Amino acid sequence: MMEMAKKIWTDDRILQEDLERVAASDLIDWEQLRGKRVLVTGATGLIGSLLARSLVCASVERSLNIRVAALVRSPEKGKAMLGAFLEDGLELVAGDILSPLAVEGPVDYILHGASVTASKDFVDHPSETILTALKGTEHVLELAREKQVKSMVYLSSMEVYGVVDPERYVELPRKLWKFAGAEADPDPGNPVETMTGKTGGPFASERTADAVTESDCGMLAGSDTLPDEKEKKNIAKAAYTAAIVREADYGRIDPLQVRSSYSEGKRMAEGLCAAYAHEYAVPVKMARLAQTFGAGIPQTENRVFAQFARSIMSGSDIVLHTDGGKAHCYCYTTDAVLGLLTVLLRGENGEAYNVSNEDTYSSIRGMAQMLIERYPQSGSHLVFDIPADANKYGYAPTSRMVICSEKLNRLGWQAQIGLPEMFERLMGSMK
């Protein structure tokens, strides 16, 4: 490993460590990026900004002369966030992806992360959410076609999978039970170590005969009678079942639900990327990110992970506005950046790749319980306050999905940061 010069990019110690981790990674063939110009859209967003910063950091520390063009709608915001990197190969390019893009000079690679990301906007501004995904991606693809880029990655989302039919739920390997969110082991005397099915392996594709689904046991909320012991066991067991979702495993999205503007928009944008790859040979790949968080989140971030972290840090209760049963996987920001760069440089054109840490599989309720148990000094408790009109807040439909990253793993990538460490680093950065 080459000796790398150290430069302090930020006074956020955790973020500094994260930048250095990406720059030091031998997973990436950095030589492919030597002397190249990389366009990053959405460069003031969480992932886009970390991509831009990481590329500049790696360029300086490895003497690669990478030029990073950060596409921003507001140069003032871009300068405030990325100003420390402007003297080392980063340039701000003013533009809005809702209009055709005019970027002077060559563009060798594109990482397209511009998107509407706030759940409430999906409901309050559904038209803008869809058009940002579809028209915005069209303009970026046209630029990729014009510039004849070597590779492009569209940052998609696990939400393209929609709601998977509970009939496809299987019992999870025991290693994934830790944040499932049930109050008790459904069967302590007979733990489920692996799933069974025709494909074998840790993630079998078929539902086990005795797996319990939502439709089998229902939810306790609103029940007129208390469950008996058998029902309690079934409800607990249901928390340890989920759909194992690979890249070809699509569920249902209702296009008439306003909240679907985001997930349908992402699906349509992926379809457009595939069309450009087929019709115009644009070398574009899709990366379906699990919910990603880590150091450097904006102070205005209001997604559930940020709310939970602030509650623990302030010693206030964690308040859930749903039953907390939704369960899926997460990914730490540096793992996501390394996954995106792996897809950029090693992925197959027209293909989609999940970027997810399967070991972080957790229900919302289980995540809250984990934090309360790990930080008892906070004095925080779990409180439910479920509004009658919860739909207007843009909460995603309840489902349980393990987003499987086997396809990306085969390219050499492996997630490194687990859920407890993700929160530890997040809160360390937020101090």
Protein backbone atom coordinates (compact mmCIF):
# COMPACT_ATOMS: atom_id res chain seq x y z
CA MET A 1 0.00 0.00 0.00
CA MET A 2 1.39 3.37 -1.00
CA GLU A 3 2.18 5.98 1.66
CA MET A 4 -0.44 8.71 1.41
CA ALA A 5 -0.07 12.32 2.44
CA LYS A 6 -2.65 13.45 4.95
CA LYS A 7 -4.64 16.62 4.49
CA ILE A 8 -7.30 17.84 6.87
CA TRP A 9 -10.42 18.48 4.81
CA THR A 10 -12.93 19.08 7.59
CA ASP A 11 -13.10 19.69 11.32
CA ASP A 12 -15.59 16.81 11.55
CA ARG A 13 -13.28 14.04 12.75
CA ILE A 14 -15.64 11.25 11.71
CA LEU A 15 -16.15 12.66 8.23
CA GLN A 16 -12.39 13.10 7.86
CA GLU A 17 -11.90 9.44 8.75
CA ASP A 18 -14.55 8.45 6.23
CA LEU A 19 -12.89 10.39 3.41
CA GLU A 20 -9.56 8.80 4.24
CA ARG A 21 -11.16 5.35 4.33
CA VAL A 22 -12.50 5.73 0.80
CA ALA A 23 -9.21 7.15 -0.48
CA ALA A 24 -7.26 4.29 1.10
CA SER A 25 -9.46 1.54 -0.31
CA ASP A 26 -7.75 -0.92 -2.63
CA LEU A 27 -11.12 -2.17 -3.84
CA ILE A 28 -11.24 0.65 -6.38
CA ASP A 29 -9.00 0.61 -9.46
CA TRP A 30 -8.07 4.25 -9.02
CA GLU A 31 -5.83 4.22 -12.09
CA GLN A 32 -8.95 4.11 -14.29
CA LEU A 33 -9.78 7.58 -12.94
CA ARG A 34 -6.32 9.10 -13.36
CA GLY A 35 -6.57 12.39 -15.23
CA LYS A 36 -10.31 11.92 -15.82
CA ARG A 37 -13.21 14.32 -15.27
CA VAL A 38 -16.12 13.03 -13.22
CA LEU A 39 -19.51 14.78 -13.17
CA VAL A 40 -21.51 14.38 -9.95
CA THR A 41 -25.15 15.52 -9.98
CA GLY A 42 -26.91 16.18 -6.71
CA ALA A 43 -23.52 17.24 -5.36
CA THR A 44 -24.95 19.03 -2.32
CA GLY A 45 -26.95 15.98 -1.23
CA LEU A 46 -25.64 13.53 1.36
CA ILE A 47 -24.33 10.89 -1.05
CA GLY A 48 -23.43 13.25 -3.90
CA SER A 49 -21.38 15.49 -1.63
CA LEU A 50 -19.52 12.53 -0.14
CA LEU A 51 -18.84 11.18 -3.64
CA ALA A 52 -17.41 14.53 -4.74
CA ARG A 53 -15.32 14.96 -1.58
CA SER A 54 -14.05 11.38 -1.64
CA LEU A 55 -12.93 11.61 -5.26
CA VAL A 56 -11.00 14.83 -4.56
CA CYS A 57 -9.48 13.36 -1.41
CA ALA A 58 -8.36 10.21 -3.26
CA SER A 59 -7.03 12.31 -6.14
CA VAL A 60 -4.84 14.40 -3.83
CA GLU A 61 -3.64 11.54 -1.66
CA ARG A 62 -2.86 9.31 -4.64
CA SER A 63 -1.73 12.09 -7.03
CA LEU A 64 -4.35 11.11 -9.63
CA ASN A 65 -5.29 14.54 -11.02
CA ILE A 66 -9.00 13.66 -11.02
CA ARG A 67 -11.23 16.60 -11.87
CA VAL A 68 -14.63 16.59 -10.21
CA ALA A 69 -17.43 18.68 -11.74
CA ALA A 70 -20.10 19.14 -9.06
CA LEU A 71 -23.45 20.03 -10.62
CA VAL A 72 -25.36 22.32 -8.24
CA ARG A 73 -28.47 24.45 -8.54
CA SER A 74 -27.12 26.95 -6.00
CA PRO A 75 -23.42 27.88 -6.36
CA GLU A 76 -23.65 29.60 -2.97
CA LYS A 77 -24.81 26.40 -1.27
CA GLY A 78 -22.22 24.42 -3.21
CA LYS A 79 -19.42 26.72 -2.12
CA ALA A 80 -20.55 26.63 1.50
CA MET A 81 -20.56 22.84 1.51
CA LEU A 82 -17.65 22.01 -0.81
CA GLY A 83 -15.49 25.12 -0.66
CA ALA A 84 -12.57 23.35 1.04
CA PHE A 85 -12.16 21.16 -2.05
CA LEU A 86 -12.26 23.84 -4.75
CA GLU A 87 -8.48 24.29 -4.90
CA ASP A 88 -7.80 20.59 -5.32
CA GLY A 89 -9.66 19.58 -8.46
CA LEU A 90 -13.30 20.29 -7.68
CA GLU A 91 -15.29 22.77 -9.74
CA LEU A 92 -18.87 23.93 -9.27
CA VAL A 93 -21.07 23.71 -12.37
CA ALA A 94 -24.33 25.64 -12.06
CA GLY A 95 -27.28 23.85 -13.59
CA ASP A 96 -30.67 22.27 -13.06
CA ILE A 97 -31.31 18.78 -14.40
CA LEU A 98 -34.88 19.78 -15.25
CA SER A 99 -33.36 21.71 -18.17
CA PRO A 100 -30.99 20.40 -20.86
CA LEU A 101 -27.45 20.41 -19.49
CA ALA A 102 -24.63 22.42 -21.01
CA VAL A 103 -21.35 21.30 -19.49
CA GLU A 104 -18.25 22.64 -21.18
CA GLY A 105 -15.30 20.38 -21.79
CA PRO A 106 -14.95 16.60 -21.63
CA VAL A 107 -16.86 14.37 -19.21
CA ASP A 108 -15.46 10.89 -18.73
CA TYR A 109 -17.71 9.53 -15.97
CA ILE A 110 -21.07 10.52 -14.48
CA LEU A 111 -22.53 9.73 -11.07
CA HIS A 112 -26.16 10.88 -11.23
CA GLY A 113 -27.53 11.43 -7.73
CA ALA A 114 -29.85 14.43 -8.14
CA SER A 115 -33.30 13.51 -6.82
CA VAL A 116 -36.15 14.58 -4.59
CA THR A 117 -35.44 12.77 -1.30
CA ALA A 118 -37.77 14.15 1.39
CA SER A 119 -40.73 11.84 2.03
CA LYS A 120 -43.12 14.73 2.63
CA ASP A 121 -42.23 16.15 -0.80
CA PHE A 122 -43.33 12.89 -2.40
CA VAL A 123 -46.84 13.71 -1.18
CA ASP A 124 -46.81 17.51 -1.33
CA HIS A 125 -45.01 17.75 -4.69
CA PRO A 126 -45.58 14.44 -6.50
CA SER A 127 -45.42 15.96 -10.01
CA GLU A 128 -42.03 17.53 -9.31
CA THR A 129 -40.84 14.25 -7.75
CA ILE A 130 -41.68 12.28 -10.89
CA LEU A 131 -40.38 14.87 -13.35
CA THR A 132 -37.11 15.29 -11.46
CA ALA A 133 -36.56 11.55 -11.77
CA LEU A 134 -37.68 11.16 -15.37
CA LYS A 135 -36.90 14.43 -17.18
CA GLY A 136 -33.80 15.00 -15.08
CA THR A 137 -32.43 11.58 -15.90
CA GLU A 138 -33.25 12.08 -19.59
CA HIS A 139 -31.12 15.24 -19.62
CA VAL A 140 -28.23 13.52 -17.86
CA LEU A 141 -28.43 10.56 -20.25
CA GLU A 142 -28.38 12.93 -23.22
CA LEU A 143 -25.27 14.56 -21.81
CA ALA A 144 -23.68 11.12 -21.32
CA ARG A 145 -24.52 10.29 -24.93
CA GLU A 146 -23.15 13.61 -26.22
CA LYS A 147 -19.91 13.36 -24.23
CA GLN A 148 -19.48 9.63 -24.98
CA VAL A 149 -18.70 8.88 -21.35
CA LYS A 150 -16.85 5.77 -20.32
CA SER A 151 -19.43 4.94 -17.65
CA MET A 152 -22.45 6.38 -15.85
CA VAL A 153 -24.24 5.29 -12.67
CA TYR A 154 -27.82 6.25 -11.87
CA LEU A 155 -28.43 6.34 -8.12
CA SER A 156 -31.72 4.51 -7.75
CA SER A 157 -33.42 3.20 -4.63
CA MET A 158 -34.61 0.02 -2.97
CA GLU A 159 -38.08 1.59 -3.22
CA VAL A 160 -38.30 0.38 -6.85
CA TYR A 161 -39.17 -3.01 -5.32
CA GLY A 162 -42.48 -1.71 -3.96
CA VAL A 163 -44.40 -3.96 -1.57
CA VAL A 164 -43.49 -7.61 -1.92
CA ASP A 165 -46.30 -10.13 -1.60
CA PRO A 166 -46.20 -11.57 1.96
CA GLU A 167 -46.60 -15.00 0.39
CA ARG A 168 -42.94 -14.65 -0.58
CA TYR A 169 -41.81 -14.12 3.01
CA VAL A 170 -39.41 -16.72 4.41
CA GLU A 171 -37.96 -17.32 7.85
CA LEU A 172 -34.74 -15.41 8.26
CA PRO A 173 -31.36 -16.78 9.30
CA ARG A 174 -30.85 -16.30 13.02
CA LYS A 175 -28.02 -13.80 12.41
CA LEU A 176 -30.62 -11.37 11.02
CA TRP A 177 -32.93 -11.57 14.04
CA LYS A 178 -31.03 -9.10 16.23
CA PHE A 179 -32.85 -5.93 15.10
CA ALA A 180 -36.06 -7.55 13.84
CA GLY A 181 -38.09 -5.78 16.50
CA ALA A 182 -40.02 -8.65 18.08
CA GLU A 183 -40.22 -8.77 21.86
CA ALA A 184 -39.18 -12.38 22.17
CA ASP A 185 -37.59 -15.26 20.32
CA PRO A 186 -40.57 -16.96 18.67
CA ASP A 187 -39.19 -20.43 19.38
CA PRO A 188 -36.08 -20.38 21.61
CA GLY A 189 -35.83 -24.15 21.62
CA ASN A 190 -35.70 -24.46 17.86
CA PRO A 191 -33.93 -21.43 16.36
CA VAL A 192 -34.00 -20.97 12.62
CA GLU A 193 -30.38 -20.91 11.47
CA THR A 194 -30.95 -20.85 7.73
CA MET A 195 -33.80 -20.79 5.29
CA THR A 196 -34.74 -23.75 3.18
CA GLY A 197 -35.81 -23.91 -0.43
CA LYS A 198 -34.83 -25.14 -3.86
CA THR A 199 -31.95 -22.71 -4.30
CA GLY A 200 -30.32 -23.51 -0.95
CA GLY A 201 -27.80 -21.21 0.69
CA PRO A 202 -28.44 -18.55 3.33
CA PHE A 203 -31.07 -16.79 1.23
CA ALA A 204 -33.38 -19.40 -0.23
CA SER A 205 -35.92 -18.14 -2.71
CA GLU A 206 -38.98 -20.08 -1.58
CA ARG A 207 -41.21 -19.49 1.42
CA THR A 208 -40.89 -22.11 4.17
CA ALA A 209 -43.96 -24.10 5.00
CA ASP A 210 -44.46 -22.63 8.47
CA ALA A 211 -43.38 -19.04 7.84
CA VAL A 212 -45.92 -16.62 9.27
CA THR A 213 -46.89 -13.58 7.23
CA GLU A 214 -48.75 -10.35 7.94
CA SER A 215 -51.90 -11.91 6.52
CA ASP A 216 -51.53 -14.90 8.86
CA CYS A 217 -51.46 -12.91 12.09
CA GLY A 218 -52.44 -9.31 11.38
CA MET A 219 -51.48 -6.38 13.54
CA LEU A 220 -52.38 -5.86 17.19
CA ALA A 221 -53.31 -2.20 16.69
CA GLY A 222 -57.05 -1.73 16.92
CA SER A 223 -57.77 -5.28 18.08
CA ASP A 224 -60.78 -5.60 20.35
CA THR A 225 -59.39 -8.60 22.18
CA LEU A 226 -56.04 -9.43 23.69
CA PRO A 227 -54.12 -12.13 21.83
CA ASP A 228 -53.83 -15.55 23.38
CA GLU A 229 -50.44 -17.22 23.83
CA LYS A 230 -50.57 -18.89 20.42
CA GLU A 231 -51.30 -15.56 18.74
CA LYS A 232 -48.46 -13.91 20.65
CA LYS A 233 -46.07 -16.57 19.41
CA ASN A 234 -47.27 -16.17 15.83
CA ILE A 235 -46.96 -12.39 15.98
CA ALA A 236 -43.43 -12.67 17.36
CA LYS A 237 -42.56 -15.22 14.73
CA ALA A 238 -43.84 -12.93 11.97
CA ALA A 239 -41.18 -10.40 12.89
CA TYR A 240 -38.55 -12.94 11.88
CA THR A 241 -39.87 -13.36 8.36
CA ALA A 242 -39.17 -11.19 5.33
CA ALA A 243 -38.81 -11.23 1.57
CA ILE A 244 -35.29 -11.79 0.26
CA VAL A 245 -35.04 -9.31 -2.59
CA ARG A 246 -32.59 -9.61 -5.45
CA GLU A 247 -32.45 -7.41 -8.53
CA ALA A 248 -35.22 -9.25 -10.41
CA ASP A 249 -37.66 -9.50 -7.48
CA TYR A 250 -40.25 -6.77 -7.96
CA GLY A 251 -43.27 -6.20 -5.77
CA ARG A 252 -46.39 -4.09 -6.25
CA ILE A 253 -46.53 -0.31 -6.57
CA ASP A 254 -49.92 1.39 -6.80
CA PRO A 255 -49.41 4.23 -9.30
CA LEU A 256 -52.57 5.96 -8.10
CA GLN A 257 -51.21 6.46 -4.59
CA VAL A 258 -49.57 9.88 -4.37
CA ARG A 259 -46.70 8.49 -2.24
CA SER A 260 -45.79 6.28 -5.22
CA SER A 261 -44.42 9.33 -7.06
CA TYR A 262 -40.94 8.53 -5.77
CA SER A 263 -40.87 4.76 -6.29
CA GLU A 264 -42.61 4.94 -9.68
CA GLY A 265 -40.33 7.82 -10.69
CA LYS A 266 -37.29 5.74 -9.85
CA ARG A 267 -38.66 2.76 -11.79
CA MET A 268 -39.36 4.93 -14.84
CA ALA A 269 -35.90 6.48 -14.69
CA GLU A 270 -34.33 3.03 -14.51
CA GLY A 271 -36.36 2.00 -17.54
CA LEU A 272 -35.09 5.05 -19.40
CA CYS A 273 -31.51 4.19 -18.47
CA ALA A 274 -31.99 0.65 -19.78
CA ALA A 275 -33.50 2.05 -22.99
CA TYR A 276 -30.54 4.38 -23.56
CA ALA A 277 -28.13 1.51 -22.91
CA HIS A 278 -29.95 -0.64 -25.48
CA GLU A 279 -30.76 1.94 -28.14
CA TYR A 280 -27.83 4.34 -27.93
CA ALA A 281 -25.15 2.19 -26.24
CA VAL A 282 -24.85 4.63 -23.34
CA PRO A 283 -22.76 2.76 -20.74
CA VAL A 284 -25.15 3.34 -17.83
CA LYS A 285 -25.66 1.19 -14.76
CA MET A 286 -28.23 1.44 -11.95
CA ALA A 287 -27.37 1.27 -8.24
CA ARG A 288 -30.31 0.54 -5.95
CA LEU A 289 -29.31 1.99 -2.63
CA ALA A 290 -30.68 0.84 0.69
CA GLN A 291 -31.36 3.77 3.00
CA THR A 292 -27.94 5.31 3.50
CA PHE A 293 -26.67 7.46 6.34
CA GLY A 294 -23.51 8.42 8.15
CA ALA A 295 -21.21 11.32 8.96
CA GLY A 296 -21.86 14.63 7.28
CA ILE A 297 -25.66 14.60 7.16
CA PRO A 298 -27.11 18.12 6.88
CA GLN A 299 -28.49 19.72 10.02
CA THR A 300 -31.89 19.86 8.35
CA GLU A 301 -31.99 16.08 7.77
CA ASN A 302 -35.32 14.76 9.08
CA ARG A 303 -35.35 11.12 8.08
CA VAL A 304 -35.92 8.56 10.79
CA PHE A 305 -32.25 7.80 11.48
CA ALA A 306 -31.51 11.48 12.14
CA GLN A 307 -34.57 11.85 14.36
CA PHE A 308 -33.55 8.79 16.39
CA ALA A 309 -29.96 10.02 16.76
CA ARG A 310 -31.09 13.46 17.93
CA SER A 311 -33.47 11.89 20.45
CA ILE A 312 -30.70 9.77 21.98
CA MET A 313 -28.27 12.70 22.04
CA SER A 314 -30.80 15.03 23.70
CA GLY A 315 -32.19 12.43 26.09
CA SER A 316 -35.71 12.76 24.72
CA ASP A 317 -38.09 9.95 23.87
CA ILE A 318 -38.06 8.29 20.47
CA VAL A 319 -41.53 8.87 19.05
CA LEU A 320 -42.86 6.59 16.30
CA HIS A 321 -45.73 7.78 14.12
CA THR A 322 -46.27 4.29 12.68
CA ASP A 323 -46.32 0.86 14.30
CA GLY A 324 -42.62 0.53 13.44
CA GLY A 325 -43.09 -2.81 11.72
CA LYS A 326 -41.51 -1.79 8.41
CA ALA A 327 -38.16 -3.56 8.13
CA HIS A 328 -35.38 -3.34 5.58
CA CYS A 329 -31.62 -2.90 5.24
CA TYR A 330 -29.33 0.11 5.54
CA CYS A 331 -25.88 1.10 4.31
CA TYR A 332 -23.20 3.34 5.76
CA THR A 333 -22.18 6.25 3.56
CA THR A 334 -18.61 5.13 2.90
CA ASP A 335 -19.75 1.61 2.07
CA ALA A 336 -22.26 3.15 -0.34
CA VAL A 337 -19.61 5.36 -2.00
CA LEU A 338 -17.29 2.40 -2.49
CA GLY A 339 -20.23 0.39 -3.86
CA LEU A 340 -21.12 3.14 -6.33
CA LEU A 341 -17.53 3.47 -7.54
CA THR A 342 -17.37 -0.32 -7.91
CA VAL A 343 -20.50 -0.27 -10.09
CA LEU A 344 -19.09 2.66 -12.07
CA LEU A 345 -15.83 0.89 -12.89
CA ARG A 346 -16.80 -2.80 -12.89
CA GLY A 347 -20.54 -3.01 -13.48
CA GLU A 348 -22.22 -4.28 -16.63
CA ASN A 349 -23.97 -1.75 -18.84
CA GLY A 350 -27.76 -1.75 -18.52
CA GLU A 351 -27.62 -3.75 -15.28
CA ALA A 352 -28.89 -2.91 -11.78
CA TYR A 353 -27.02 -3.62 -8.53
CA ASN A 354 -28.28 -3.56 -4.95
CA VAL A 355 -26.04 -1.56 -2.58
CA SER A 356 -27.04 -2.77 0.86
CA ASN A 357 -25.65 -4.24 4.06
CA GLU A 358 -27.81 -7.29 4.71
CA ASP A 359 -26.55 -7.56 8.30
CA THR A 360 -28.22 -4.22 9.13
CA TYR A 361 -31.70 -5.65 8.47
CA SER A 362 -33.94 -4.00 11.04
CA SER A 363 -37.47 -2.92 11.71
CA ILE A 364 -38.00 0.72 12.62
CA ARG A 365 -39.16 -0.42 16.04
CA GLY A 366 -36.16 -2.73 16.41
CA MET A 367 -33.78 0.08 15.51
CA ALA A 368 -35.31 2.31 18.19
CA GLN A 369 -35.11 -0.49 20.75
CA MET A 370 -31.47 -1.13 19.85
CA LEU A 371 -30.53 2.51 20.43
CA ILE A 372 -32.39 2.75 23.73
CA GLU A 373 -30.63 -0.40 24.98
CA ARG A 374 -27.18 0.69 23.77
CA TYR A 375 -27.48 4.20 25.25
CA PRO A 376 -29.32 3.73 28.57
CA GLN A 377 -27.72 6.92 29.91
CA SER A 378 -29.90 8.88 27.50
CA GLY A 379 -33.02 7.99 29.49
CA SER A 380 -34.91 7.77 26.19
CA HIS A 381 -38.04 5.63 25.90
CA LEU A 382 -40.01 4.38 22.92
CA VAL A 383 -43.35 6.16 22.47
CA PHE A 384 -46.02 5.58 19.82
CA ASP A 385 -48.03 8.52 18.53
CA ILE A 386 -49.81 7.34 15.38
CA PRO A 387 -51.87 10.09 13.71
CA ALA A 388 -55.14 9.23 12.01
CA ASP A 389 -53.95 10.95 8.82
CA ALA A 390 -50.47 9.39 8.74
CA ASN A 391 -50.56 9.04 4.94
CA LYS A 392 -50.08 12.77 4.42
CA TYR A 393 -46.59 12.53 5.92
CA GLY A 394 -45.34 10.32 3.10
CA TYR A 395 -44.42 7.25 5.14
CA ALA A 396 -43.47 4.30 2.98
CA PRO A 397 -45.81 1.28 2.90
CA THR A 398 -45.13 -1.37 5.53
CA SER A 399 -43.11 -4.28 4.24
CA ARG A 400 -40.17 -6.42 5.35
CA MET A 401 -37.37 -6.87 2.82
CA VAL A 402 -33.79 -8.03 3.05
CA ILE A 403 -32.11 -6.24 0.15
CA CYS A 404 -29.57 -8.78 -1.08
CA SER A 405 -26.22 -7.54 -2.45
CA GLU A 406 -24.84 -10.80 -3.77
CA LYS A 407 -24.56 -9.41 -7.30
CA LEU A 408 -22.40 -6.50 -6.14
CA ASN A 409 -20.45 -8.78 -3.83
CA ARG A 410 -19.38 -10.75 -6.89
CA LEU A 411 -17.65 -7.58 -8.15
CA GLY A 412 -15.53 -7.58 -4.99
CA TRP A 413 -17.50 -5.15 -2.81
CA GLN A 414 -18.45 -5.99 0.76
CA ALA A 415 -20.17 -3.77 3.32
CA GLN A 416 -18.05 -3.17 6.41
CA ILE A 417 -20.00 -0.97 8.85
CA GLY A 418 -22.83 -2.49 10.91
CA LEU A 419 -25.90 -0.74 12.29
CA PRO A 420 -24.62 0.04 15.83
CA GLU A 421 -21.39 1.52 14.44
CA MET A 422 -23.38 3.47 11.84
CA PHE A 423 -25.22 5.25 14.64
CA GLU A 424 -22.07 5.66 16.72
CA ARG A 425 -20.34 7.40 13.82
CA LEU A 426 -23.43 9.40 12.91
CA MET A 427 -23.80 10.79 16.42
CA GLY A 428 -20.07 11.41 16.69
CA SER A 429 -20.33 13.53 13.55
CA MET A 430 -23.43 15.37 14.78
CA LYS A 431 -21.84 16.55 18.05
